[in-house]
Amino acid sequence: MEFPVVNTRGDLDALTGTQQHADFIANLKGSMITLRNVAIYPDDYGRTLQAGDVGYIAPDWQDVEDLSAIERFGFSKAEILALSPGE
């Protein structure tokens, strides 16, 4: 199935009641948590190692809440979570 172009909340509201609307809301719900590397690296990390350098720093992957996508469409977290998949 092909997604229609949805740039604004109005575009999304025009799809209310369709499968595309339900799919788009499901994608918005899925976008609220992202996996990010939250390890702290020194400013010069990744440059050629010098004698005495620590070397490799392991990434620290954590789920991080990111509401920028839902806020772009004028939703709050509570609104998105309250929407059922069929709405």
Protein backbone atom coordinates (compact mmCIF):
# COMPACT_ATOMS: atom_id res chain seq x y z
CA MET A 1 0.00 0.00 0.00
CA GLU A 2 1.27 3.43 -0.87
CA PHE A 3 1.16 6.24 1.68
CA PRO A 4 -0.36 9.54 0.55
CA VAL A 5 1.67 12.69 1.14
CA VAL A 6 1.02 13.92 4.68
CA ASN A 7 2.72 17.20 5.51
CA THR A 8 0.31 18.72 8.02
CA ARG A 9 -2.26 17.75 10.62
CA GLY A 10 -4.91 18.81 8.09
CA ASP A 11 -3.56 16.30 5.55
CA LEU A 12 -3.73 13.61 8.23
CA ASP A 13 -7.21 14.62 9.38
CA ALA A 14 -8.42 14.33 5.76
CA LEU A 15 -7.53 10.62 5.92
CA THR A 16 -9.56 9.93 9.09
CA GLY A 17 -11.33 6.61 8.90
CA THR A 18 -9.04 5.13 6.26
CA GLN A 19 -6.42 2.42 6.54
CA GLN A 20 -3.77 5.00 5.57
CA HIS A 21 -4.74 7.09 8.62
CA ALA A 22 -4.48 4.07 10.94
CA ASP A 23 -1.12 3.10 9.43
CA PHE A 24 0.22 6.66 9.76
CA ILE A 25 -0.87 6.87 13.42
CA ALA A 26 0.82 3.50 14.07
CA ASN A 27 4.02 4.87 12.51
CA LEU A 28 3.81 8.00 14.66
CA LYS A 29 3.40 5.84 17.77
CA GLY A 30 6.46 3.83 16.74
CA SER A 31 8.52 6.99 16.24
CA MET A 32 8.19 8.11 19.87
CA ILE A 33 11.05 5.89 21.05
CA THR A 34 14.35 5.81 19.19
CA LEU A 35 17.52 3.84 19.82
CA ARG A 36 20.46 6.19 20.38
CA ASN A 37 24.08 5.83 21.32
CA VAL A 38 24.40 7.81 24.53
CA ALA A 39 28.05 7.00 25.23
CA ILE A 40 30.21 10.04 25.96
CA TYR A 41 33.22 10.39 23.71
CA PRO A 42 36.10 12.84 24.13
CA ASP A 43 36.30 15.66 21.57
CA ASP A 44 39.21 14.07 19.72
CA TYR A 45 37.78 10.53 19.73
CA GLY A 46 38.31 8.72 16.44
CA ARG A 47 41.50 10.51 15.47
CA THR A 48 44.77 8.61 15.21
CA LEU A 49 45.62 7.07 18.55
CA GLN A 50 48.66 8.39 20.37
CA ALA A 51 50.73 6.53 22.93
CA GLY A 52 48.76 6.21 26.16
CA ASP A 53 45.34 6.78 24.54
CA VAL A 54 42.46 4.76 25.92
CA GLY A 55 41.47 3.38 22.53
CA TYR A 56 38.01 2.00 21.90
CA ILE A 57 34.91 3.25 23.75
CA ALA A 58 31.96 0.89 23.45
CA PRO A 59 28.66 2.38 22.34
CA ASP A 60 25.92 2.60 24.94
CA TRP A 61 22.59 2.03 23.13
CA GLN A 62 19.49 3.14 24.98
CA ASP A 63 15.85 3.79 24.14
CA VAL A 64 15.28 7.54 24.18
CA GLU A 65 11.90 9.24 23.98
CA ASP A 66 11.70 11.58 20.97
CA LEU A 67 8.37 13.34 20.51
CA SER A 68 9.48 15.62 17.65
CA ALA A 69 7.59 13.67 14.95
CA ILE A 70 4.27 13.65 16.79
CA GLU A 71 4.65 17.28 17.86
CA ARG A 72 5.26 18.23 14.23
CA PHE A 73 1.69 17.11 13.52
CA GLY A 74 0.27 18.89 16.57
CA PHE A 75 -0.22 15.83 18.79
CA SER A 76 0.76 15.35 22.38
CA LYS A 77 2.06 12.04 23.69
CA ALA A 78 -1.23 11.43 25.53
CA GLU A 79 -3.28 12.05 22.37
CA ILE A 80 -1.27 9.58 20.29
CA LEU A 81 -1.38 6.91 22.99
CA ALA A 82 -5.15 7.37 23.34
CA LEU A 83 -5.81 6.82 19.63
CA SER A 84 -6.85 3.29 18.81
CA PRO A 85 -5.33 1.66 15.72
CA GLY A 86 -8.66 1.95 13.87
CA GLU A 87 -9.04 5.71 14.37
